[in-house]
Structure formats: structure tokens, C-alpha cells
C-alpha atoms as a PDB file:
ATOM      1  CA  MET A   1       0.000   0.000   0.000  1.00  0.00           C
ATOM      2  CA  ASP A   2       2.857   2.347   0.812  1.00  0.00           C
ATOM      3  CA  GLN A   3       4.207   1.860  -2.713  1.00  0.00           C
ATOM      4  CA  ILE A   4       0.886   2.904  -4.237  1.00  0.00           C
ATOM      5  CA  VAL A   5       0.671   6.006  -2.053  1.00  0.00           C
ATOM      6  CA  GLN A   6       4.265   7.009  -2.847  1.00  0.00           C
ATOM      7  CA  TYR A   7       3.670   6.488  -6.577  1.00  0.00           C
ATOM      8  CA  GLN A   8       0.515   8.623  -6.580  1.00  0.00           C
ATOM      9  CA  LEU A   9       2.167  11.373  -4.506  1.00  0.00           C
ATOM     10  CA  ALA A  10       5.126  11.481  -6.892  1.00  0.00           C
ATOM     11  CA  ARG A  11       2.746  11.757  -9.853  1.00  0.00           C
ATOM     12  CA  ALA A  12       0.849  14.600  -8.187  1.00  0.00           C
ATOM     13  CA  VAL A  13       4.051  16.559  -7.509  1.00  0.00           C
ATOM     14  CA  LYS A  14       5.340  16.064 -11.074  1.00  0.00           C
ATOM     15  CA  SER A  15       2.054  17.183 -12.600  1.00  0.00           C
ATOM     16  CA  GLN A  16       1.567  20.434 -10.711  1.00  0.00           C
ATOM     17  CA  GLY A  17       0.295  23.043 -13.107  1.00  0.00           C
ATOM     18  CA  ARG A  18      -0.103  20.782 -16.134  1.00  0.00           C
ATOM     19  CA  ARG A  19      -2.401  18.128 -17.444  1.00  0.00           C
ATOM     20  CA  LEU A  20      -1.565  14.697 -16.144  1.00  0.00           C
ATOM     21  CA  ALA A  21      -3.161  12.677 -18.925  1.00  0.00           C
ATOM     22  CA  LYS A  22      -2.005  12.398 -22.505  1.00  0.00           C
ATOM     23  CA  ARG A  23      -4.063  10.871 -25.277  1.00  0.00           C
ATOM     24  CA  VAL A  24      -3.692   7.109 -25.372  1.00  0.00           C
ATOM     25  CA  ALA A  25      -4.643   4.951 -28.368  1.00  0.00           C
ATOM     26  CA  VAL A  26      -6.847   2.335 -26.704  1.00  0.00           C
ATOM     27  CA  GLU A  27      -7.212  -0.218 -29.520  1.00  0.00           C
ATOM     28  CA  PRO A  28      -3.530  -1.239 -29.784  1.00  0.00           C
ATOM     29  CA  LEU A  29      -3.278  -1.352 -25.998  1.00  0.00           C
ATOM     30  CA  ILE A  30      -6.177  -3.809 -25.735  1.00  0.00           C
ATOM     31  CA  LYS A  31      -4.853  -5.890 -28.633  1.00  0.00           C
ATOM     32  CA  ARG A  32      -1.425  -6.219 -26.985  1.00  0.00           C
ATOM     33  CA  MET A  33      -2.911  -7.211 -23.633  1.00  0.00           C
ATOM     34  CA  ALA A  34      -5.344  -9.708 -25.177  1.00  0.00           C
ATOM     35  CA  SER A  35      -2.541 -11.256 -27.220  1.00  0.00           C
ATOM     36  CA  ALA A  36      -0.306 -11.593 -24.159  1.00  0.00           C
ATOM     37  CA  LEU A  37      -3.115 -13.125 -22.096  1.00  0.00           C
ATOM     38  CA  GLN A  38      -3.929 -15.604 -24.872  1.00  0.00           C
ATOM     39  CA  LYS A  39      -0.357 -16.849 -24.555  1.00  0.00           C
ATOM     40  CA  VAL A  40      -0.551 -17.037 -20.758  1.00  0.00           C
ATOM     41  CA  TYR A  41      -3.858 -18.949 -20.881  1.00  0.00           C
ATOM     42  CA  ARG A  42      -3.007 -20.953 -24.026  1.00  0.00           C
ATOM     43  CA  ASP A  43      -3.891 -24.256 -22.333  1.00  0.00           C
ATOM     44  CA  LYS A  44      -7.470 -23.055 -21.744  1.00  0.00           C
ATOM     45  CA  GLY A  45      -7.968 -22.360 -25.456  1.00  0.00           C
ATOM     46  CA  VAL A  46      -9.783 -19.086 -24.820  1.00  0.00           C
ATOM     47  CA  GLU A  47     -11.424 -17.644 -27.925  1.00  0.00           C
ATOM     48  CA  VAL A  48     -11.175 -13.849 -28.049  1.00  0.00           C
ATOM     49  CA  GLU A  49     -13.587 -11.592 -29.904  1.00  0.00           C
ATOM     50  CA  LEU A  50     -12.459  -7.978 -30.321  1.00  0.00           C
ATOM     51  CA  GLN A  51     -14.793  -5.290 -31.628  1.00  0.00           C
ATOM     52  CA  LEU A  52     -12.561  -2.266 -31.248  1.00  0.00           C
ATOM     53  CA  LYS A  53     -12.489   1.230 -32.690  1.00  0.00           C
ATOM     54  CA  ASP A  54      -9.609   3.556 -33.423  1.00  0.00           C
ATOM     55  CA  LEU A  55     -10.265   5.851 -30.451  1.00  0.00           C
ATOM     56  CA  GLN A  56      -8.079   7.717 -28.023  1.00  0.00           C
ATOM     57  CA  LEU A  57      -8.611   8.456 -24.374  1.00  0.00           C
ATOM     58  CA  ALA A  58      -7.077  11.182 -22.219  1.00  0.00           C
ATOM     59  CA  ALA A  59      -5.569   8.980 -19.523  1.00  0.00           C
ATOM     60  CA  ASP A  60      -2.358   7.871 -17.929  1.00  0.00           C
ATOM     61  CA  GLU A  61      -1.278   4.885 -20.025  1.00  0.00           C
ATOM     62  CA  ARG A  62       0.027   2.894 -17.045  1.00  0.00           C
ATOM     63  CA  ASP A  63      -3.201   3.414 -15.111  1.00  0.00           C
ATOM     64  CA  LEU A  64      -5.270   2.423 -18.134  1.00  0.00           C
ATOM     65  CA  MET A  65      -3.142  -0.685 -18.659  1.00  0.00           C
ATOM     66  CA  GLU A  66      -3.548  -1.630 -15.006  1.00  0.00           C
ATOM     67  CA  LEU A  67      -7.319  -1.136 -15.074  1.00  0.00           C
ATOM     68  CA  LEU A  68      -7.940  -2.949 -18.354  1.00  0.00           C
ATOM     69  CA  GLY A  69      -5.278  -5.564 -17.606  1.00  0.00           C
ATOM     70  CA  ASN A  70      -6.906  -6.523 -14.306  1.00  0.00           C
ATOM     71  CA  ILE A  71     -10.345  -6.867 -15.868  1.00  0.00           C
ATOM     72  CA  LEU A  72      -9.051  -8.710 -18.940  1.00  0.00           C
ATOM     73  CA  GLU A  73      -7.010 -11.083 -16.821  1.00  0.00           C
ATOM     74  CA  ASN A  74     -10.051 -11.858 -14.676  1.00  0.00           C
ATOM     75  CA  ALA A  75     -12.026 -12.627 -17.840  1.00  0.00           C
ATOM     76  CA  PHE A  76      -9.338 -15.033 -19.063  1.00  0.00           C
ATOM     77  CA  LYS A  77      -8.827 -16.549 -15.619  1.00  0.00           C
ATOM     78  CA  TYR A  78     -12.454 -17.068 -14.595  1.00  0.00           C
ATOM     79  CA  GLY A  79     -14.132 -17.417 -17.976  1.00  0.00           C
ATOM     80  CA  ASP A  80     -14.632 -20.836 -19.469  1.00  0.00           C
ATOM     81  CA  SER A  81     -13.690 -20.470 -23.128  1.00  0.00           C
ATOM     82  CA  GLN A  82     -14.681 -17.048 -24.497  1.00  0.00           C
ATOM     83  CA  VAL A  83     -13.709 -13.435 -23.836  1.00  0.00           C
ATOM     84  CA  SER A  84     -15.095 -10.464 -25.725  1.00  0.00           C
ATOM     85  CA  VAL A  85     -14.044  -6.830 -25.729  1.00  0.00           C
ATOM     86  CA  ARG A  86     -16.231  -4.190 -27.348  1.00  0.00           C
ATOM     87  CA  MET A  87     -15.679  -0.460 -27.616  1.00  0.00           C
ATOM     88  CA  SER A  88     -18.281   2.181 -28.321  1.00  0.00           C
ATOM     89  CA  GLN A  89     -18.507   5.931 -28.097  1.00  0.00           C
ATOM     90  CA  ALA A  90     -21.481   8.116 -27.279  1.00  0.00           C
ATOM     91  CA  GLU A  91     -21.915  11.622 -25.918  1.00  0.00           C
ATOM     92  CA  GLY A  92     -18.182  12.190 -25.507  1.00  0.00           C
ATOM     93  CA  MET A  93     -17.649   9.001 -23.517  1.00  0.00           C
ATOM     94  CA  LEU A  94     -15.721   5.882 -24.396  1.00  0.00           C
ATOM     95  CA  ARG A  95     -17.294   2.645 -23.256  1.00  0.00           C
ATOM     96  CA  ILE A  96     -15.325  -0.589 -23.043  1.00  0.00           C
ATOM     97  CA  ASP A  97     -17.254  -3.776 -22.334  1.00  0.00           C
ATOM     98  CA  ILE A  98     -15.242  -6.814 -21.291  1.00  0.00           C
ATOM     99  CA  ALA A  99     -17.208 -10.040 -20.874  1.00  0.00           C
ATOM    100  CA  ASP A 100     -16.608 -13.760 -20.596  1.00  0.00           C
ATOM    101  CA  ASP A 101     -18.649 -16.947 -20.471  1.00  0.00           C
ATOM    102  CA  GLY A 102     -17.870 -17.947 -16.893  1.00  0.00           C
ATOM    103  CA  ALA A 103     -20.372 -18.516 -14.109  1.00  0.00           C
ATOM    104  CA  GLY A 104     -20.314 -14.906 -12.905  1.00  0.00           C
ATOM    105  CA  ILE A 105     -19.991 -13.333  -9.483  1.00  0.00           C
ATOM    106  CA  SER A 106     -22.262 -14.558  -6.746  1.00  0.00           C
ATOM    107  CA  PRO A 107     -24.882 -11.981  -5.656  1.00  0.00           C
ATOM    108  CA  GLU A 108     -23.512 -11.829  -2.108  1.00  0.00           C
ATOM    109  CA  LEU A 109     -20.068 -10.739  -3.366  1.00  0.00           C
ATOM    110  CA  ARG A 110     -21.093  -8.172  -5.990  1.00  0.00           C
ATOM    111  CA  GLN A 111     -21.033  -5.166  -3.664  1.00  0.00           C
ATOM    112  CA  THR A 112     -17.918  -6.353  -1.835  1.00  0.00           C
ATOM    113  CA  ILE A 113     -15.715  -6.509  -4.922  1.00  0.00           C
ATOM    114  CA  LEU A 114     -16.591  -2.954  -5.918  1.00  0.00           C
ATOM    115  CA  LYS A 115     -14.935  -1.599  -2.769  1.00  0.00           C
ATOM    116  CA  ARG A 116     -11.366  -0.397  -3.064  1.00  0.00           C
ATOM    117  CA  GLY A 117      -8.837  -3.087  -2.233  1.00  0.00           C
ATOM    118  CA  GLN A 118     -11.391  -5.873  -1.907  1.00  0.00           C
ATOM    119  CA  ARG A 119     -10.971  -9.255  -3.549  1.00  0.00           C
ATOM    120  CA  ALA A 120     -13.202 -12.272  -3.634  1.00  0.00           C
ATOM    121  CA  ASP A 121     -10.664 -14.965  -4.451  1.00  0.00           C
ATOM    122  CA  THR A 122      -8.024 -14.495  -1.759  1.00  0.00           C
ATOM    123  CA  SER A 123      -9.073 -17.394   0.439  1.00  0.00           C
ATOM    124  CA  ALA A 124      -9.918 -19.918  -2.258  1.00  0.00           C
ATOM    125  CA  PRO A 125      -7.115 -22.114  -3.617  1.00  0.00           C
ATOM    126  CA  ASP A 126      -9.065 -23.341  -6.644  1.00  0.00           C
ATOM    127  CA  ARG A 127     -11.982 -22.550  -8.966  1.00  0.00           C
ATOM    128  CA  ASP A 128     -14.653 -23.579  -6.447  1.00  0.00           C
ATOM    129  CA  TRP A 129     -15.156 -20.056  -5.107  1.00  0.00           C
ATOM    130  CA  PRO A 130     -18.253 -18.092  -6.056  1.00  0.00           C
ATOM    131  CA  VAL A 131     -16.373 -15.623  -8.274  1.00  0.00           C
ATOM    132  CA  ARG A 132     -15.995 -16.757 -11.834  1.00  0.00           C
ATOM    133  CA  GLY A 133     -16.516 -15.146 -15.164  1.00  0.00           C
ATOM    134  CA  GLY A 134     -17.797 -11.739 -14.207  1.00  0.00           C
ATOM    135  CA  GLY A 135     -18.682  -9.615 -17.195  1.00  0.00           C
ATOM    136  CA  TYR A 136     -17.509  -6.122 -16.344  1.00  0.00           C
ATOM    137  CA  SER A 137     -18.064  -2.837 -18.054  1.00  0.00           C
ATOM    138  CA  GLN A 138     -15.978   0.252 -17.463  1.00  0.00           C
ATOM    139  CA  GLN A 139     -17.014   3.661 -18.671  1.00  0.00           C
ATOM    140  CA  LEU A 140     -14.085   5.965 -19.117  1.00  0.00           C
ATOM    141  CA  TRP A 141     -14.285   9.700 -19.664  1.00  0.00           C
ATOM    142  CA  ARG A 142     -12.876  10.937 -22.954  1.00  0.00           C
END
């Protein structure tokens, strides 16, 4: 936790008086991450469907990679055999939908996992926990 705080403080100091976010091309970022995860989860034979657009987002690239990487990895990890990523744009917002064909997140854990720093799989050593295959959607400001 201390590392995260120190990183964010350093970013805040460096960015004083200027915009923190640059424009990031989202499509190639998602393609690279999906390709890497297909290699990691090769034994599962996950089929990936990408419906992407050539759009940019004003964001910190590392933060965007961390956010999308976590959600994509969960889709590969907890999904059964399919992962899809779709991008759309409306009213100045970029929407990225990441879904998989896993069992989903149990109703009793849905609110818990949305809290900062919370995880549902920390005490389960195998795939028998109630968190599998959640289809997540993140809306990101343009």
C-alpha cells in the first residue's frame, strides 16, 4: 500500500500546473494485452472476440493498462472459453465492455468486490469459489 501512495504522490508533484493525462490509443493497448493473455492462458484455449475502434482516451497509459489488464485477466482466468471486448462511443464518452462466459460473481459478493482493495478470491485455492466469469463494463471519460 505504501508503494501505491508514494507512486501517486510522486505523480501529483510532477504534474503540478499541467495536465496529467495524454491521449492514449486504446485499440492497440487492448490488442497487446489480449494477445499476451492468450499466450498465458493458451492451455485453456480461450477464444477472443475484439470489436474495437480507433479511439483515443485522455488517460495515464500505465493506469489504463492496469485497469484494463486486471479486468481482462479476470475474464481469461475465470471465464470458461470465451472473452469479448467491445468499444463504443457516445456523448463524448468511451465505453469498453469486457465479458466472458464464466459462471459470474455470486450476488452476495457483488457489492464487496466494488470496494477499493477488496478481492473475492483471496481465500480460495481453486476454482470452487463463487467468483468466476464476471462480465464487467468500465465507462471511461474521454
